[in-house]
């Protein structure tokens, strides 16, 4: 193969693209579940990021870790074909974003990576058996417990309950006013935004900061999220064979080391899963995408990759 190697990290809030080794990241809008034609929407967003990179091609291989990866093989082929044409790529590698998160955070390819963004993804890879197990990542309607969306939604709901008198007063009301404006207009603003999941998730940092400031309502929301995340990680750890300690790391701005949510998650994990061995993440999902793009052998992720031969 000759040409560039490109990595793409496509989340719900932002899509990021980089040419491996360039050190420059180009961004475009993230994925929206309600879009009527998600394949075309993802392809167009990748095209926007590629245009921002000045279309340097040709490309030997591009690897994309995506929220909203199409479930059907024919849809994945359609998406990969569009991307191959846009980037003039010889090969397109598609996978869920929990795969690229794992490849970036644990380059050794063994252990559990929990990715907390707008949603939640978790992948356990067992190098002894060559198997991998996904936990959660089911989207905001049916899963993503402990995610930024879940925290943001709980915070907004607490503000509305306080406004009605159904719940206790909370400093979250002031945070919501600063971010969204008057509380009576907030629900309509979010519902009609066209990106309600993302707009809701953006309140999560406010909830965590308010909890750190001593607000009891916000603190309960963050504690509940920490328990959910620990439960997800615990399930993933149990999927790894043997009795040896299992490396576990978490990625995402909400769970940066030293932050309240990270501390809550790690304390709950230590109390419930003695085999879990917390380690720092070696890199990001975008790093993982670049690793898959440049790797001669994608093990141990091969079974979770959709590979399309393009030009």
C-alpha atoms as a PDB file:
ATOM      1  CA  UNK A   1       0.000   0.000   0.000  1.00  0.00           C
ATOM      2  CA  UNK A   2       1.185   3.492  -0.789  1.00  0.00           C
ATOM      3  CA  UNK A   3      -0.281   6.752   0.387  1.00  0.00           C
ATOM      4  CA  UNK A   4      -1.419   8.374   3.602  1.00  0.00           C
ATOM      5  CA  UNK A   5      -2.949   6.705   6.648  1.00  0.00           C
ATOM      6  CA  UNK A   6      -5.955   8.482   8.132  1.00  0.00           C
ATOM      7  CA  UNK A   7      -7.796   8.060  11.422  1.00  0.00           C
ATOM      8  CA  UNK A   8     -11.335   9.224  12.195  1.00  0.00           C
ATOM      9  CA  UNK A   9     -13.131   9.380  15.539  1.00  0.00           C
ATOM     10  CA  UNK A  10     -16.826  10.001  14.994  1.00  0.00           C
ATOM     11  CA  UNK A  11     -18.855  10.723  18.117  1.00  0.00           C
ATOM     12  CA  UNK A  12     -22.255  12.291  18.727  1.00  0.00           C
ATOM     13  CA  UNK A  13     -20.873  15.730  19.505  1.00  0.00           C
ATOM     14  CA  UNK A  14     -17.924  15.961  17.113  1.00  0.00           C
ATOM     15  CA  UNK A  15     -16.177  14.050  14.339  1.00  0.00           C
ATOM     16  CA  UNK A  16     -12.379  14.350  14.350  1.00  0.00           C
ATOM     17  CA  UNK A  17     -10.032  13.416  11.499  1.00  0.00           C
ATOM     18  CA  UNK A  18      -6.262  13.350  11.275  1.00  0.00           C
ATOM     19  CA  UNK A  19      -3.583  12.157   8.905  1.00  0.00           C
ATOM     20  CA  UNK A  20      -1.439   9.793  10.976  1.00  0.00           C
ATOM     21  CA  UNK A  21       1.753  11.495  12.088  1.00  0.00           C
ATOM     22  CA  UNK A  22       0.617  14.997  11.124  1.00  0.00           C
ATOM     23  CA  UNK A  23      -0.353  16.136  14.621  1.00  0.00           C
ATOM     24  CA  UNK A  24      -3.193  18.207  13.116  1.00  0.00           C
ATOM     25  CA  UNK A  25      -6.847  17.430  13.880  1.00  0.00           C
ATOM     26  CA  UNK A  26      -9.774  18.569  11.743  1.00  0.00           C
ATOM     27  CA  UNK A  27     -13.311  18.647  13.120  1.00  0.00           C
ATOM     28  CA  UNK A  28     -16.840  18.424  11.741  1.00  0.00           C
ATOM     29  CA  UNK A  29     -20.317  17.971  13.306  1.00  0.00           C
ATOM     30  CA  UNK A  30     -21.040  14.719  15.144  1.00  0.00           C
ATOM     31  CA  UNK A  31     -23.557  11.963  14.464  1.00  0.00           C
ATOM     32  CA  UNK A  32     -27.288  12.470  15.027  1.00  0.00           C
ATOM     33  CA  UNK A  33     -29.409   9.350  15.541  1.00  0.00           C
ATOM     34  CA  UNK A  34     -32.648  10.933  14.253  1.00  0.00           C
ATOM     35  CA  UNK A  35     -31.156  11.724  10.814  1.00  0.00           C
ATOM     36  CA  UNK A  36     -33.294  10.108   8.073  1.00  0.00           C
ATOM     37  CA  UNK A  37     -30.238   9.024   6.035  1.00  0.00           C
ATOM     38  CA  UNK A  38     -27.405   8.324   8.507  1.00  0.00           C
ATOM     39  CA  UNK A  39     -25.089   6.771   5.887  1.00  0.00           C
ATOM     40  CA  UNK A  40     -25.126   9.896   3.740  1.00  0.00           C
ATOM     41  CA  UNK A  41     -24.904  12.097   6.832  1.00  0.00           C
ATOM     42  CA  UNK A  42     -21.770  10.343   8.125  1.00  0.00           C
ATOM     43  CA  UNK A  43     -20.192  10.342   4.667  1.00  0.00           C
ATOM     44  CA  UNK A  44     -20.876  14.065   4.284  1.00  0.00           C
ATOM     45  CA  UNK A  45     -19.401  14.839   7.700  1.00  0.00           C
ATOM     46  CA  UNK A  46     -16.237  12.889   6.846  1.00  0.00           C
ATOM     47  CA  UNK A  47     -16.091  14.829   3.572  1.00  0.00           C
ATOM     48  CA  UNK A  48     -16.317  18.112   5.500  1.00  0.00           C
ATOM     49  CA  UNK A  49     -13.403  17.139   7.749  1.00  0.00           C
ATOM     50  CA  UNK A  50     -11.400  15.933   4.738  1.00  0.00           C
ATOM     51  CA  UNK A  51     -12.020  19.238   2.958  1.00  0.00           C
ATOM     52  CA  UNK A  52     -10.767  21.055   6.064  1.00  0.00           C
ATOM     53  CA  UNK A  53      -7.589  18.973   5.751  1.00  0.00           C
ATOM     54  CA  UNK A  54      -7.246  20.229   2.139  1.00  0.00           C
ATOM     55  CA  UNK A  55      -7.776  16.703   0.742  1.00  0.00           C
ATOM     56  CA  UNK A  56      -4.087  15.721   0.791  1.00  0.00           C
ATOM     57  CA  UNK A  57      -4.573  12.116  -0.579  1.00  0.00           C
ATOM     58  CA  UNK A  58      -4.234   9.618  -2.005  1.00  0.00           C
ATOM     59  CA  UNK A  59      -4.941   7.434   1.034  1.00  0.00           C
ATOM     60  CA  UNK A  60      -3.649   3.930   1.602  1.00  0.00           C
ATOM     61  CA  UNK A  61      -6.008   3.161   4.481  1.00  0.00           C
ATOM     62  CA  UNK A  62      -8.518   5.096   6.551  1.00  0.00           C
ATOM     63  CA  UNK A  63      -9.849   3.673   9.829  1.00  0.00           C
ATOM     64  CA  UNK A  64     -13.027   5.065  11.329  1.00  0.00           C
ATOM     65  CA  UNK A  65     -14.419   4.440  14.807  1.00  0.00           C
ATOM     66  CA  UNK A  66     -18.029   5.579  14.685  1.00  0.00           C
ATOM     67  CA  UNK A  67     -20.987   6.136  16.916  1.00  0.00           C
ATOM     68  CA  UNK A  68     -23.945   5.038  14.828  1.00  0.00           C
ATOM     69  CA  UNK A  69     -21.975   2.506  12.792  1.00  0.00           C
ATOM     70  CA  UNK A  70     -24.559   0.945  10.436  1.00  0.00           C
ATOM     71  CA  UNK A  71     -25.697  -2.466  11.651  1.00  0.00           C
ATOM     72  CA  UNK A  72     -26.173  -4.145   8.259  1.00  0.00           C
ATOM     73  CA  UNK A  73     -23.130  -5.204   6.156  1.00  0.00           C
ATOM     74  CA  UNK A  74     -24.616  -3.739   2.976  1.00  0.00           C
ATOM     75  CA  UNK A  75     -25.044  -0.376   4.684  1.00  0.00           C
ATOM     76  CA  UNK A  76     -21.463  -0.524   5.913  1.00  0.00           C
ATOM     77  CA  UNK A  77     -20.296  -1.262   2.372  1.00  0.00           C
ATOM     78  CA  UNK A  78     -22.317   1.684   1.095  1.00  0.00           C
ATOM     79  CA  UNK A  79     -20.785   4.001   3.700  1.00  0.00           C
ATOM     80  CA  UNK A  80     -17.271   2.678   3.112  1.00  0.00           C
ATOM     81  CA  UNK A  81     -17.688   3.088  -0.633  1.00  0.00           C
ATOM     82  CA  UNK A  82     -18.671   6.730  -0.258  1.00  0.00           C
ATOM     83  CA  UNK A  83     -15.689   7.357   2.041  1.00  0.00           C
ATOM     84  CA  UNK A  84     -13.311   5.518  -0.300  1.00  0.00           C
ATOM     85  CA  UNK A  85     -14.441   7.720  -3.184  1.00  0.00           C
ATOM     86  CA  UNK A  86     -14.091  10.932  -1.166  1.00  0.00           C
ATOM     87  CA  UNK A  87     -10.605  10.142   0.186  1.00  0.00           C
ATOM     88  CA  UNK A  88      -9.401   8.181  -2.872  1.00  0.00           C
ATOM     89  CA  UNK A  89      -8.635   5.409  -0.397  1.00  0.00           C
ATOM     90  CA  UNK A  90      -7.371   1.926  -1.190  1.00  0.00           C
ATOM     91  CA  UNK A  91      -8.900   0.502   1.966  1.00  0.00           C
ATOM     92  CA  UNK A  92     -11.545   1.616   4.461  1.00  0.00           C
ATOM     93  CA  UNK A  93     -11.791   0.085   7.936  1.00  0.00           C
ATOM     94  CA  UNK A  94     -15.046   0.661   9.832  1.00  0.00           C
ATOM     95  CA  UNK A  95     -15.724  -0.190  13.467  1.00  0.00           C
ATOM     96  CA  UNK A  96     -17.633   1.035  16.491  1.00  0.00           C
ATOM     97  CA  UNK A  97     -15.982   3.810  18.455  1.00  0.00           C
ATOM     98  CA  UNK A  98     -15.489   1.509  21.451  1.00  0.00           C
ATOM     99  CA  UNK A  99     -12.941  -0.407  19.341  1.00  0.00           C
ATOM    100  CA  UNK A 100     -10.841   2.648  18.483  1.00  0.00           C
ATOM    101  CA  UNK A 101     -11.132   3.814  22.100  1.00  0.00           C
ATOM    102  CA  UNK A 102      -9.719   0.492  23.267  1.00  0.00           C
ATOM    103  CA  UNK A 103      -6.918   0.508  20.686  1.00  0.00           C
ATOM    104  CA  UNK A 104      -5.929   4.015  21.737  1.00  0.00           C
ATOM    105  CA  UNK A 105      -6.163   3.585  25.498  1.00  0.00           C
ATOM    106  CA  UNK A 106      -4.642   0.093  25.857  1.00  0.00           C
ATOM    107  CA  UNK A 107      -2.097  -0.452  23.056  1.00  0.00           C
ATOM    108  CA  UNK A 108      -1.300  -3.896  24.481  1.00  0.00           C
ATOM    109  CA  UNK A 109      -4.782  -4.988  23.453  1.00  0.00           C
ATOM    110  CA  UNK A 110      -5.818  -6.506  26.796  1.00  0.00           C
ATOM    111  CA  UNK A 111      -8.200  -5.208  29.442  1.00  0.00           C
ATOM    112  CA  UNK A 112     -11.243  -2.992  29.718  1.00  0.00           C
ATOM    113  CA  UNK A 113     -11.768   0.481  28.317  1.00  0.00           C
ATOM    114  CA  UNK A 114     -14.784   2.544  29.323  1.00  0.00           C
ATOM    115  CA  UNK A 115     -15.440   5.540  27.104  1.00  0.00           C
ATOM    116  CA  UNK A 116     -17.653   8.253  28.559  1.00  0.00           C
ATOM    117  CA  UNK A 117     -18.805  10.936  26.163  1.00  0.00           C
ATOM    118  CA  UNK A 118     -22.258  11.926  25.027  1.00  0.00           C
ATOM    119  CA  UNK A 119     -22.905   8.183  25.238  1.00  0.00           C
ATOM    120  CA  UNK A 120     -21.066   5.312  26.917  1.00  0.00           C
ATOM    121  CA  UNK A 121     -19.116   2.512  25.275  1.00  0.00           C
ATOM    122  CA  UNK A 122     -17.218  -0.278  26.984  1.00  0.00           C
ATOM    123  CA  UNK A 123     -15.092  -3.041  25.492  1.00  0.00           C
ATOM    124  CA  UNK A 124     -13.322  -5.907  27.252  1.00  0.00           C
ATOM    125  CA  UNK A 125     -10.553  -7.659  25.308  1.00  0.00           C
ATOM    126  CA  UNK A 126      -9.131 -10.948  26.611  1.00  0.00           C
ATOM    127  CA  UNK A 127      -5.723 -11.581  25.053  1.00  0.00           C
ATOM    128  CA  UNK A 128      -5.590 -15.106  26.503  1.00  0.00           C
ATOM    129  CA  UNK A 129      -8.691 -16.248  24.625  1.00  0.00           C
ATOM    130  CA  UNK A 130      -8.603 -13.783  21.731  1.00  0.00           C
ATOM    131  CA  UNK A 131     -12.166 -12.715  22.487  1.00  0.00           C
ATOM    132  CA  UNK A 132     -13.818  -9.368  23.089  1.00  0.00           C
ATOM    133  CA  UNK A 133     -17.063  -8.360  24.759  1.00  0.00           C
ATOM    134  CA  UNK A 134     -19.047  -5.167  24.421  1.00  0.00           C
ATOM    135  CA  UNK A 135     -21.003  -3.767  27.367  1.00  0.00           C
ATOM    136  CA  UNK A 136     -23.611  -0.980  26.995  1.00  0.00           C
ATOM    137  CA  UNK A 137     -23.309   1.503  24.154  1.00  0.00           C
ATOM    138  CA  UNK A 138     -27.016   1.023  23.417  1.00  0.00           C
ATOM    139  CA  UNK A 139     -27.805   4.686  22.845  1.00  0.00           C
ATOM    140  CA  UNK A 140     -29.575   7.301  24.920  1.00  0.00           C
ATOM    141  CA  UNK A 141     -33.011   5.658  24.796  1.00  0.00           C
ATOM    142  CA  UNK A 142     -32.024   2.205  26.049  1.00  0.00           C
ATOM    143  CA  UNK A 143     -28.572   2.498  27.617  1.00  0.00           C
ATOM    144  CA  UNK A 144     -25.543   4.793  27.853  1.00  0.00           C
ATOM    145  CA  UNK A 145     -25.958   4.741  31.627  1.00  0.00           C
ATOM    146  CA  UNK A 146     -23.704   7.253  33.356  1.00  0.00           C
ATOM    147  CA  UNK A 147     -23.076   9.141  30.112  1.00  0.00           C
ATOM    148  CA  UNK A 148     -22.945  12.892  29.623  1.00  0.00           C
ATOM    149  CA  UNK A 149     -26.451  12.685  28.188  1.00  0.00           C
ATOM    150  CA  UNK A 150     -27.708  10.774  31.237  1.00  0.00           C
ATOM    151  CA  UNK A 151     -26.082  13.243  33.633  1.00  0.00           C
ATOM    152  CA  UNK A 152     -27.282  16.242  31.658  1.00  0.00           C
ATOM    153  CA  UNK A 153     -30.811  14.915  31.433  1.00  0.00           C
ATOM    154  CA  UNK A 154     -30.932  14.215  35.180  1.00  0.00           C
ATOM    155  CA  UNK A 155     -29.633  17.724  35.880  1.00  0.00           C
ATOM    156  CA  UNK A 156     -32.205  19.389  33.646  1.00  0.00           C
ATOM    157  CA  UNK A 157     -34.976  17.277  35.160  1.00  0.00           C
ATOM    158  CA  UNK A 158     -33.853  18.360  38.657  1.00  0.00           C
ATOM    159  CA  UNK A 159     -34.018  22.010  37.580  1.00  0.00           C
ATOM    160  CA  UNK A 160     -37.556  21.557  36.253  1.00  0.00           C
ATOM    161  CA  UNK A 161     -38.674  19.743  39.412  1.00  0.00           C
ATOM    162  CA  UNK A 162     -37.240  22.542  41.539  1.00  0.00           C
ATOM    163  CA  UNK A 163     -39.046  25.101  39.371  1.00  0.00           C
ATOM    164  CA  UNK A 164     -42.355  23.273  39.888  1.00  0.00           C
ATOM    165  CA  UNK A 165     -41.799  22.759  43.593  1.00  0.00           C
ATOM    166  CA  UNK A 166     -41.741  18.972  43.120  1.00  0.00           C
ATOM    167  CA  UNK A 167     -38.084  18.761  44.097  1.00  0.00           C
ATOM    168  CA  UNK A 168     -35.522  20.533  46.286  1.00  0.00           C
ATOM    169  CA  UNK A 169     -33.893  23.803  45.360  1.00  0.00           C
ATOM    170  CA  UNK A 170     -30.567  23.378  43.624  1.00  0.00           C
ATOM    171  CA  UNK A 171     -27.696  25.483  42.340  1.00  0.00           C
ATOM    172  CA  UNK A 172     -28.221  23.677  39.039  1.00  0.00           C
ATOM    173  CA  UNK A 173     -30.974  26.200  38.342  1.00  0.00           C
ATOM    174  CA  UNK A 174     -28.430  28.984  38.016  1.00  0.00           C
ATOM    175  CA  UNK A 175     -26.182  26.821  35.844  1.00  0.00           C
ATOM    176  CA  UNK A 176     -29.114  26.009  33.556  1.00  0.00           C
ATOM    177  CA  UNK A 177     -30.047  29.679  33.292  1.00  0.00           C
ATOM    178  CA  UNK A 178     -26.529  30.555  32.202  1.00  0.00           C
ATOM    179  CA  UNK A 179     -26.408  27.805  29.591  1.00  0.00           C
ATOM    180  CA  UNK A 180     -29.976  27.728  28.260  1.00  0.00           C
ATOM    181  CA  UNK A 181     -31.743  30.882  29.399  1.00  0.00           C
ATOM    182  CA  UNK A 182     -35.021  31.086  31.352  1.00  0.00           C
ATOM    183  CA  UNK A 183     -36.212  27.745  32.685  1.00  0.00           C
ATOM    184  CA  UNK A 184     -39.662  28.086  31.121  1.00  0.00           C
ATOM    185  CA  UNK A 185     -38.102  28.265  27.668  1.00  0.00           C
ATOM    186  CA  UNK A 186     -35.464  25.588  28.238  1.00  0.00           C
ATOM    187  CA  UNK A 187     -37.481  22.467  27.295  1.00  0.00           C
ATOM    188  CA  UNK A 188     -38.674  23.981  24.025  1.00  0.00           C
ATOM    189  CA  UNK A 189     -35.166  25.168  23.209  1.00  0.00           C
ATOM    190  CA  UNK A 190     -33.788  21.666  23.648  1.00  0.00           C
ATOM    191  CA  UNK A 191     -36.629  19.757  22.000  1.00  0.00           C
ATOM    192  CA  UNK A 192     -36.552  21.912  18.870  1.00  0.00           C
ATOM    193  CA  UNK A 193     -32.764  22.192  18.572  1.00  0.00           C
ATOM    194  CA  UNK A 194     -32.416  19.369  16.047  1.00  0.00           C
ATOM    195  CA  UNK A 195     -29.632  17.928  18.227  1.00  0.00           C
ATOM    196  CA  UNK A 196     -31.418  17.361  21.526  1.00  0.00           C
ATOM    197  CA  UNK A 197     -29.075  14.600  22.697  1.00  0.00           C
ATOM    198  CA  UNK A 198     -25.967  16.714  22.201  1.00  0.00           C
ATOM    199  CA  UNK A 199     -27.562  19.857  23.658  1.00  0.00           C
ATOM    200  CA  UNK A 200     -28.665  17.896  26.731  1.00  0.00           C
ATOM    201  CA  UNK A 201     -25.248  16.269  27.158  1.00  0.00           C
ATOM    202  CA  UNK A 202     -23.552  19.664  27.209  1.00  0.00           C
ATOM    203  CA  UNK A 203     -25.133  20.320  30.622  1.00  0.00           C
ATOM    204  CA  UNK A 204     -23.177  17.407  32.161  1.00  0.00           C
ATOM    205  CA  UNK A 205     -19.989  19.402  32.915  1.00  0.00           C
ATOM    206  CA  UNK A 206     -22.175  21.972  34.686  1.00  0.00           C
ATOM    207  CA  UNK A 207     -23.720  19.212  36.805  1.00  0.00           C
ATOM    208  CA  UNK A 208     -20.315  17.799  37.757  1.00  0.00           C
ATOM    209  CA  UNK A 209     -18.943  21.262  38.566  1.00  0.00           C
ATOM    210  CA  UNK A 210     -22.020  22.090  40.653  1.00  0.00           C
ATOM    211  CA  UNK A 211     -21.642  18.813  42.528  1.00  0.00           C
ATOM    212  CA  UNK A 212     -17.994  19.611  43.229  1.00  0.00           C
ATOM    213  CA  UNK A 213     -19.177  22.922  44.634  1.00  0.00           C
ATOM    214  CA  UNK A 214     -21.250  21.127  47.278  1.00  0.00           C
ATOM    215  CA  UNK A 215     -24.762  21.071  45.810  1.00  0.00           C
ATOM    216  CA  UNK A 216     -26.519  17.977  47.170  1.00  0.00           C
ATOM    217  CA  UNK A 217     -28.851  17.463  44.222  1.00  0.00           C
ATOM    218  CA  UNK A 218     -25.997  17.555  41.730  1.00  0.00           C
ATOM    219  CA  UNK A 219     -23.865  15.350  43.981  1.00  0.00           C
ATOM    220  CA  UNK A 220     -26.546  12.656  44.005  1.00  0.00           C
ATOM    221  CA  UNK A 221     -26.696  12.732  40.200  1.00  0.00           C
ATOM    222  CA  UNK A 222     -22.921  12.345  39.890  1.00  0.00           C
ATOM    223  CA  UNK A 223     -22.842   9.566  42.496  1.00  0.00           C
ATOM    224  CA  UNK A 224     -25.538   7.650  40.602  1.00  0.00           C
ATOM    225  CA  UNK A 225     -23.595   8.055  37.355  1.00  0.00           C
ATOM    226  CA  UNK A 226     -20.427   6.783  39.020  1.00  0.00           C
ATOM    227  CA  UNK A 227     -22.262   3.673  40.242  1.00  0.00           C
ATOM    228  CA  UNK A 228     -23.655   3.011  36.768  1.00  0.00           C
ATOM    229  CA  UNK A 229     -20.224   3.345  35.161  1.00  0.00           C
ATOM    230  CA  UNK A 230     -18.649   1.079  37.768  1.00  0.00           C
ATOM    231  CA  UNK A 231     -21.352  -1.508  37.148  1.00  0.00           C
ATOM    232  CA  UNK A 232     -20.643  -1.420  33.418  1.00  0.00           C
ATOM    233  CA  UNK A 233     -16.904  -1.803  33.974  1.00  0.00           C
ATOM    234  CA  UNK A 234     -17.470  -4.594  36.493  1.00  0.00           C
ATOM    235  CA  UNK A 235     -19.488  -6.576  33.965  1.00  0.00           C
ATOM    236  CA  UNK A 236     -16.685  -6.144  31.424  1.00  0.00           C
ATOM    237  CA  UNK A 237     -14.009  -7.253  33.906  1.00  0.00           C
ATOM    238  CA  UNK A 238     -15.963 -10.434  34.644  1.00  0.00           C
ATOM    239  CA  UNK A 239     -15.859 -11.258  30.921  1.00  0.00           C
ATOM    240  CA  UNK A 240     -12.039 -11.542  31.062  1.00  0.00           C
ATOM    241  CA  UNK A 241     -10.852 -15.065  31.870  1.00  0.00           C
ATOM    242  CA  UNK A 242      -8.652 -16.077  34.776  1.00  0.00           C
ATOM    243  CA  UNK A 243      -7.981 -14.574  38.190  1.00  0.00           C
ATOM    244  CA  UNK A 244      -5.241 -12.099  37.312  1.00  0.00           C
ATOM    245  CA  UNK A 245      -5.798  -8.353  37.689  1.00  0.00           C
ATOM    246  CA  UNK A 246      -7.473  -6.764  34.673  1.00  0.00           C
ATOM    247  CA  UNK A 247      -6.283  -3.344  33.418  1.00  0.00           C
ATOM    248  CA  UNK A 248      -9.201  -0.896  33.397  1.00  0.00           C
ATOM    249  CA  UNK A 249      -9.114   2.639  32.103  1.00  0.00           C
ATOM    250  CA  UNK A 250     -11.669   5.317  31.405  1.00  0.00           C
ATOM    251  CA  UNK A 251     -11.559   7.996  28.732  1.00  0.00           C
ATOM    252  CA  UNK A 252     -13.489  11.193  28.149  1.00  0.00           C
ATOM    253  CA  UNK A 253     -13.342  14.770  29.393  1.00  0.00           C
ATOM    254  CA  UNK A 254     -15.930  14.118  32.118  1.00  0.00           C
ATOM    255  CA  UNK A 255     -13.728  11.461  33.716  1.00  0.00           C
ATOM    256  CA  UNK A 256     -10.321  13.095  33.565  1.00  0.00           C
ATOM    257  CA  UNK A 257      -8.094  12.007  36.470  1.00  0.00           C
ATOM    258  CA  UNK A 258      -8.785  13.892  39.675  1.00  0.00           C
ATOM    259  CA  UNK A 259     -12.281  14.952  38.675  1.00  0.00           C
ATOM    260  CA  UNK A 260     -15.298  14.191  40.829  1.00  0.00           C
ATOM    261  CA  UNK A 261     -16.925  11.711  38.435  1.00  0.00           C
ATOM    262  CA  UNK A 262     -13.643   9.817  37.950  1.00  0.00           C
ATOM    263  CA  UNK A 263     -13.092   9.618  41.697  1.00  0.00           C
ATOM    264  CA  UNK A 264     -16.651   8.397  42.261  1.00  0.00           C
ATOM    265  CA  UNK A 265     -16.332   5.771  39.541  1.00  0.00           C
ATOM    266  CA  UNK A 266     -12.955   4.504  40.750  1.00  0.00           C
ATOM    267  CA  UNK A 267     -14.050   4.311  44.387  1.00  0.00           C
ATOM    268  CA  UNK A 268     -17.131   2.288  43.460  1.00  0.00           C
ATOM    269  CA  UNK A 269     -15.082   0.039  41.163  1.00  0.00           C
ATOM    270  CA  UNK A 270     -12.501  -0.661  43.879  1.00  0.00           C
ATOM    271  CA  UNK A 271     -15.250  -1.553  46.338  1.00  0.00           C
ATOM    272  CA  UNK A 272     -16.995  -3.996  44.021  1.00  0.00           C
ATOM    273  CA  UNK A 273     -14.346  -5.462  41.670  1.00  0.00           C
ATOM    274  CA  UNK A 274     -11.023  -6.337  43.344  1.00  0.00           C
ATOM    275  CA  UNK A 275      -9.635  -7.709  40.034  1.00  0.00           C
ATOM    276  CA  UNK A 276      -9.895  -4.297  38.379  1.00  0.00           C
ATOM    277  CA  UNK A 277      -6.502  -2.574  38.120  1.00  0.00           C
ATOM    278  CA  UNK A 278      -6.990   1.092  37.152  1.00  0.00           C
ATOM    279  CA  UNK A 279      -4.398   2.356  34.680  1.00  0.00           C
ATOM    280  CA  UNK A 280      -4.099   5.666  32.819  1.00  0.00           C
ATOM    281  CA  UNK A 281      -5.232   5.747  29.208  1.00  0.00           C
ATOM    282  CA  UNK A 282      -2.276   5.712  26.809  1.00  0.00           C
ATOM    283  CA  UNK A 283      -4.174   7.637  24.137  1.00  0.00           C
ATOM    284  CA  UNK A 284      -7.485   8.700  22.671  1.00  0.00           C
ATOM    285  CA  UNK A 285     -10.003   7.155  20.285  1.00  0.00           C
ATOM    286  CA  UNK A 286      -8.384   9.134  17.487  1.00  0.00           C
ATOM    287  CA  UNK A 287      -5.026   7.613  18.433  1.00  0.00           C
ATOM    288  CA  UNK A 288      -6.685   4.217  18.258  1.00  0.00           C
ATOM    289  CA  UNK A 289      -8.095   4.937  14.801  1.00  0.00           C
ATOM    290  CA  UNK A 290      -4.616   5.869  13.605  1.00  0.00           C
ATOM    291  CA  UNK A 291      -3.217   2.694  15.173  1.00  0.00           C
ATOM    292  CA  UNK A 292      -5.744   0.581  13.257  1.00  0.00           C
ATOM    293  CA  UNK A 293      -5.044   2.517  10.068  1.00  0.00           C
ATOM    294  CA  UNK A 294      -1.310   1.875  10.252  1.00  0.00           C
ATOM    295  CA  UNK A 295      -1.314  -1.654  11.749  1.00  0.00           C
ATOM    296  CA  UNK A 296      -0.202  -4.534   9.561  1.00  0.00           C
ATOM    297  CA  UNK A 297      -2.225  -6.888  11.794  1.00  0.00           C
ATOM    298  CA  UNK A 298      -5.373  -5.532  13.503  1.00  0.00           C
ATOM    299  CA  UNK A 299      -5.510  -8.325  16.102  1.00  0.00           C
ATOM    300  CA  UNK A 300      -7.207  -8.555  18.592  1.00  0.00           C
ATOM    301  CA  UNK A 301      -9.898  -6.426  16.955  1.00  0.00           C
ATOM    302  CA  UNK A 302     -10.155  -8.246  13.634  1.00  0.00           C
ATOM    303  CA  UNK A 303     -13.604  -9.744  14.290  1.00  0.00           C
ATOM    304  CA  UNK A 304     -15.014  -6.282  15.051  1.00  0.00           C
ATOM    305  CA  UNK A 305     -13.755  -4.598  11.869  1.00  0.00           C
ATOM    306  CA  UNK A 306     -15.547  -4.161   8.551  1.00  0.00           C
ATOM    307  CA  UNK A 307     -12.884  -3.925   5.847  1.00  0.00           C
ATOM    308  CA  UNK A 308     -13.680  -2.515   2.417  1.00  0.00           C
ATOM    309  CA  UNK A 309     -11.279  -2.565  -0.516  1.00  0.00           C
ATOM    310  CA  UNK A 310     -11.688   0.676  -2.401  1.00  0.00           C
ATOM    311  CA  UNK A 311      -9.708   2.076  -5.307  1.00  0.00           C
END
